[in-house]
Amino acid sequence: MLKQLSKVKIEFNALDARSASALEFLAQCNSKKSKASNPKCEISVKRRTDKTPPLISVTYTNGKEDSFDGSKLSTQEIRKSIVKKSEAIETEEMFKEAGIPWPVIIPLEEVEEAKSTPFRFIKEIVRKS
């Protein structure tokens, strides 16, 4: 989970019941498996005493930042969002390492050709465009 993250900051009030997902996320970040995936990732914790909702802020290796309201999102939802964005960063890096420009632009002829393929999901993508 930490592989594409450079920083994680978790702010919460330990006495606030809304902090459950932030505390669980912190526990996941501190697991051996997570730390082994990126030992350079900075994890900081700020304990609060006010009624501010728990906040999880992350900085990806590409410099982009994201924040999650721990009172409104479950640990799974936060984790899924981070993993999804991390996978996109990883894909972009793979294309760049291979010397292929990112984003990949598919010529219109190929898109039109794909309409006749048996893959329905391609047709759905074309319809949404």
Protein backbone atom coordinates (compact mmCIF):
# COMPACT_ATOMS: atom_id res chain seq x y z
CA MET A 1 0.00 0.00 0.00
CA LEU A 2 2.88 2.41 0.74
CA LYS A 3 4.81 1.55 -2.41
CA GLN A 4 3.90 4.74 -4.33
CA LEU A 5 3.65 7.02 -1.29
CA SER A 6 6.34 9.35 -0.02
CA LYS A 7 4.43 10.74 2.99
CA VAL A 8 1.44 9.78 5.12
CA LYS A 9 0.07 12.13 7.78
CA ILE A 10 -2.70 10.98 10.08
CA GLU A 11 -4.47 13.44 12.38
CA PHE A 12 -7.04 12.27 14.92
CA ASN A 13 -8.45 12.67 18.41
CA ALA A 14 -8.01 9.30 20.14
CA LEU A 15 -11.09 9.91 22.28
CA ASP A 16 -13.32 10.57 19.27
CA ALA A 17 -15.28 7.51 18.06
CA ARG A 18 -15.01 8.83 14.49
CA SER A 19 -11.27 8.08 14.55
CA ALA A 20 -11.70 4.32 14.11
CA SER A 21 -10.82 4.25 10.41
CA ALA A 22 -7.83 6.58 10.91
CA LEU A 23 -6.49 4.34 13.69
CA GLU A 24 -7.00 1.21 11.59
CA PHE A 25 -5.28 2.88 8.64
CA LEU A 26 -2.35 3.81 10.89
CA ALA A 27 -2.10 0.19 12.04
CA GLN A 28 -2.03 -0.96 8.39
CA CYS A 29 0.69 1.58 7.57
CA ASN A 30 2.78 0.34 10.47
CA SER A 31 2.51 -3.33 9.49
CA LYS A 32 5.74 -5.10 8.52
CA LYS A 33 4.43 -5.80 5.01
CA SER A 34 3.54 -2.15 4.36
CA LYS A 35 6.80 -0.83 5.74
CA ALA A 36 8.77 -3.38 3.70
CA SER A 37 7.05 -2.20 0.50
CA ASN A 38 8.49 1.31 0.97
CA PRO A 39 10.77 1.88 3.96
CA LYS A 40 11.41 5.49 2.83
CA CYS A 41 7.76 6.52 3.25
CA GLU A 42 7.42 9.06 6.09
CA ILE A 43 4.55 8.31 8.43
CA SER A 44 3.61 11.06 10.86
CA VAL A 45 0.88 11.15 13.46
CA LYS A 46 -0.70 14.23 14.95
CA ARG A 47 -2.89 13.63 17.96
CA ARG A 48 -5.56 16.26 18.33
CA THR A 49 -7.63 17.35 21.31
CA ASP A 50 -10.29 19.29 19.42
CA LYS A 51 -13.42 18.08 17.62
CA THR A 52 -11.87 18.21 14.13
CA PRO A 53 -12.70 15.06 12.15
CA PRO A 54 -9.83 12.63 11.61
CA LEU A 55 -7.81 13.44 8.50
CA ILE A 56 -5.51 11.21 6.46
CA SER A 57 -3.23 13.06 4.03
CA VAL A 58 -0.95 11.27 1.59
CA THR A 59 1.69 12.44 -0.85
CA TYR A 60 2.42 10.17 -3.81
CA THR A 61 5.90 9.66 -5.24
CA ASN A 62 4.94 11.85 -8.21
CA GLY A 63 4.24 14.79 -5.85
CA LYS A 64 0.44 14.71 -6.02
CA GLU A 65 -1.45 14.90 -2.76
CA ASP A 66 -4.71 13.47 -1.50
CA SER A 67 -6.70 13.87 1.73
CA PHE A 68 -9.38 11.64 3.20
CA ASP A 69 -11.94 12.43 5.88
CA GLY A 70 -11.62 9.53 8.29
CA SER A 71 -15.06 10.19 9.77
CA LYS A 72 -16.81 9.63 6.44
CA LEU A 73 -14.72 6.88 4.81
CA SER A 74 -13.91 3.38 5.95
CA THR A 75 -10.35 2.12 6.02
CA GLN A 76 -11.14 -0.08 3.01
CA GLU A 77 -12.40 2.89 0.97
CA ILE A 78 -9.30 4.93 1.79
CA ARG A 79 -7.01 2.02 0.98
CA LYS A 80 -8.82 1.26 -2.32
CA SER A 81 -8.47 4.86 -3.45
CA ILE A 82 -4.76 4.92 -2.64
CA VAL A 83 -4.13 1.56 -4.33
CA LYS A 84 -6.03 2.66 -7.46
CA LYS A 85 -4.00 5.86 -7.79
CA SER A 86 -0.78 4.01 -6.99
CA GLU A 87 -1.46 1.51 -9.78
CA ALA A 88 -2.02 4.39 -12.22
CA ILE A 89 1.33 5.93 -11.18
CA GLU A 90 3.04 2.56 -11.60
CA THR A 91 1.53 2.10 -15.08
CA GLU A 92 2.64 5.59 -16.10
CA GLU A 93 6.17 4.85 -14.88
CA MET A 94 6.29 1.59 -16.85
CA PHE A 95 5.29 3.38 -20.06
CA LYS A 96 7.85 6.12 -19.50
CA GLU A 97 10.61 3.57 -18.80
CA ALA A 98 9.72 1.81 -22.05
CA GLY A 99 10.03 5.13 -23.91
CA ILE A 100 6.31 5.29 -24.73
CA PRO A 101 4.71 8.71 -24.22
CA TRP A 102 2.02 8.99 -21.57
CA PRO A 103 -0.94 9.17 -21.80
CA VAL A 104 -1.24 6.64 -24.58
CA ILE A 105 -3.34 8.03 -27.42
CA ILE A 106 -5.25 5.44 -29.41
CA PRO A 107 -5.83 6.44 -33.04
CA LEU A 108 -9.50 6.88 -33.96
CA GLU A 109 -9.21 4.18 -36.66
CA GLU A 110 -8.27 1.62 -34.01
CA VAL A 111 -11.14 2.72 -31.81
CA GLU A 112 -13.57 2.33 -34.73
CA GLU A 113 -12.07 -1.06 -35.52
CA ALA A 114 -12.55 -2.13 -31.91
CA LYS A 115 -16.31 -1.53 -32.18
CA SER A 116 -16.63 -4.71 -34.22
CA THR A 117 -14.77 -6.87 -31.68
CA PRO A 118 -16.60 -9.26 -29.41
CA PHE A 119 -15.37 -7.38 -26.33
CA ARG A 120 -18.37 -5.49 -24.98
CA PHE A 121 -16.36 -3.37 -22.56
CA ILE A 122 -14.53 -1.73 -25.48
CA LYS A 123 -17.86 -0.82 -27.05
CA GLU A 124 -18.95 0.72 -23.74
CA ILE A 125 -15.82 2.84 -23.57
CA VAL A 126 -16.39 4.05 -27.14
CA ARG A 127 -20.03 4.97 -26.37
CA LYS A 128 -19.03 7.00 -23.30
CA SER A 129 -16.50 9.05 -25.27
